[in-house]
Amino acid sequence: MSTILGVLQVIIAVVMVFLILLHSGKDAGLSGAFGIGGGGSQIGGGSMVERNLDRATIFFAILFAVNTIVLLKI
């Protein structure tokens, strides 16, 4: 069980790194390379994409924290 949770922890960490790099920062970061963000000039509701990206990042962060606590209790 510990091995499965350890592998899951690594997968969640990789997904979180990818999601965090997709967030637009001051200089748009990697999110500009994938067409996410771009400020208000983007047609098609870029704010909705950013909001969903925020939700996914928060979800995986909570999953990461819960998995860490479970791994510590085992």
C-alpha atoms as a PDB file:
ATOM      1  CA  MET A   1       0.000   0.000   0.000  1.00  0.00           C
ATOM      2  CA  SER A   2       2.845   2.342   0.831  1.00  0.00           C
ATOM      3  CA  THR A   3       4.418   1.769  -2.589  1.00  0.00           C
ATOM      4  CA  ILE A   4       1.190   2.575  -4.409  1.00  0.00           C
ATOM      5  CA  LEU A   5       0.715   5.774  -2.423  1.00  0.00           C
ATOM      6  CA  GLY A   6       4.357   6.721  -3.019  1.00  0.00           C
ATOM      7  CA  VAL A   7       3.980   6.313  -6.775  1.00  0.00           C
ATOM      8  CA  LEU A   8       0.720   8.279  -6.638  1.00  0.00           C
ATOM      9  CA  GLN A   9       2.534  11.043  -4.726  1.00  0.00           C
ATOM     10  CA  VAL A  10       5.152  11.351  -7.469  1.00  0.00           C
ATOM     11  CA  ILE A  11       2.477  11.467 -10.185  1.00  0.00           C
ATOM     12  CA  ILE A  12       0.527  14.149  -8.307  1.00  0.00           C
ATOM     13  CA  ALA A  13       3.732  16.164  -7.814  1.00  0.00           C
ATOM     14  CA  VAL A  14       4.530  16.056 -11.546  1.00  0.00           C
ATOM     15  CA  VAL A  15       0.973  17.116 -12.429  1.00  0.00           C
ATOM     16  CA  MET A  16       1.168  19.969  -9.919  1.00  0.00           C
ATOM     17  CA  VAL A  17       4.454  21.219 -11.371  1.00  0.00           C
ATOM     18  CA  PHE A  18       2.898  21.197 -14.835  1.00  0.00           C
ATOM     19  CA  LEU A  19      -0.233  23.022 -13.636  1.00  0.00           C
ATOM     20  CA  ILE A  20       1.772  25.648 -11.758  1.00  0.00           C
ATOM     21  CA  LEU A  21       3.939  26.297 -14.811  1.00  0.00           C
ATOM     22  CA  LEU A  22       0.797  26.851 -16.886  1.00  0.00           C
ATOM     23  CA  HIS A  23      -0.289  29.749 -14.687  1.00  0.00           C
ATOM     24  CA  SER A  24       0.356  33.141 -16.175  1.00  0.00           C
ATOM     25  CA  GLY A  25       2.673  35.294 -14.156  1.00  0.00           C
ATOM     26  CA  LYS A  26       4.034  38.758 -14.805  1.00  0.00           C
ATOM     27  CA  ASP A  27       5.546  37.758 -18.138  1.00  0.00           C
ATOM     28  CA  ALA A  28       2.920  35.144 -19.096  1.00  0.00           C
ATOM     29  CA  GLY A  29       5.368  32.255 -18.428  1.00  0.00           C
ATOM     30  CA  LEU A  30       4.766  28.922 -20.077  1.00  0.00           C
ATOM     31  CA  SER A  31       1.038  29.568 -20.303  1.00  0.00           C
ATOM     32  CA  GLY A  32       1.617  31.780 -23.340  1.00  0.00           C
ATOM     33  CA  ALA A  33       3.229  28.892 -25.189  1.00  0.00           C
ATOM     34  CA  PHE A  34       0.070  26.801 -24.824  1.00  0.00           C
ATOM     35  CA  GLY A  35      -2.391  29.620 -25.513  1.00  0.00           C
ATOM     36  CA  ILE A  36      -3.668  29.927 -21.947  1.00  0.00           C
ATOM     37  CA  GLY A  37      -4.025  33.368 -20.479  1.00  0.00           C
ATOM     38  CA  GLY A  38      -2.787  36.267 -22.553  1.00  0.00           C
ATOM     39  CA  GLY A  39      -4.699  38.941 -20.731  1.00  0.00           C
ATOM     40  CA  GLY A  40      -7.895  40.573 -21.851  1.00  0.00           C
ATOM     41  CA  SER A  41      -7.081  40.543 -25.558  1.00  0.00           C
ATOM     42  CA  GLN A  42      -7.940  36.888 -25.953  1.00  0.00           C
ATOM     43  CA  ILE A  43     -11.363  36.162 -27.417  1.00  0.00           C
ATOM     44  CA  GLY A  44     -13.229  33.180 -26.005  1.00  0.00           C
ATOM     45  CA  GLY A  45     -13.202  33.767 -22.280  1.00  0.00           C
ATOM     46  CA  GLY A  46      -9.630  33.381 -21.150  1.00  0.00           C
ATOM     47  CA  SER A  47     -10.793  34.095 -17.623  1.00  0.00           C
ATOM     48  CA  MET A  48     -12.844  30.887 -17.584  1.00  0.00           C
ATOM     49  CA  VAL A  49      -9.772  28.884 -18.597  1.00  0.00           C
ATOM     50  CA  GLU A  50      -7.726  30.570 -15.881  1.00  0.00           C
ATOM     51  CA  ARG A  51     -10.462  29.876 -13.332  1.00  0.00           C
ATOM     52  CA  ASN A  52     -10.552  26.182 -14.268  1.00  0.00           C
ATOM     53  CA  LEU A  53      -6.764  26.049 -14.127  1.00  0.00           C
ATOM     54  CA  ASP A  54      -6.921  27.547 -10.625  1.00  0.00           C
ATOM     55  CA  ARG A  55      -9.496  24.949  -9.583  1.00  0.00           C
ATOM     56  CA  ALA A  56      -7.427  22.074 -10.950  1.00  0.00           C
ATOM     57  CA  THR A  57      -4.315  23.374  -9.192  1.00  0.00           C
ATOM     58  CA  ILE A  58      -6.152  23.699  -5.878  1.00  0.00           C
ATOM     59  CA  PHE A  59      -7.646  20.220  -6.266  1.00  0.00           C
ATOM     60  CA  PHE A  60      -4.250  18.618  -6.888  1.00  0.00           C
ATOM     61  CA  ALA A  61      -2.671  20.621  -4.052  1.00  0.00           C
ATOM     62  CA  ILE A  62      -5.287  19.328  -1.608  1.00  0.00           C
ATOM     63  CA  LEU A  63      -4.847  15.798  -2.989  1.00  0.00           C
ATOM     64  CA  PHE A  64      -1.084  16.146  -2.536  1.00  0.00           C
ATOM     65  CA  ALA A  65      -1.487  17.280   1.088  1.00  0.00           C
ATOM     66  CA  VAL A  66      -3.952  14.509   1.939  1.00  0.00           C
ATOM     67  CA  ASN A  67      -1.740  11.883   0.319  1.00  0.00           C
ATOM     68  CA  THR A  68       1.252  13.203   2.280  1.00  0.00           C
ATOM     69  CA  ILE A  69      -0.648  12.909   5.549  1.00  0.00           C
ATOM     70  CA  VAL A  70      -1.795   9.374   4.685  1.00  0.00           C
ATOM     71  CA  LEU A  71       1.786   8.393   3.814  1.00  0.00           C
ATOM     72  CA  LEU A  72       3.002   9.750   7.160  1.00  0.00           C
ATOM     73  CA  LYS A  73       0.353   7.779   9.084  1.00  0.00           C
ATOM     74  CA  ILE A  74       1.269   4.451   7.431  1.00  0.00           C
END
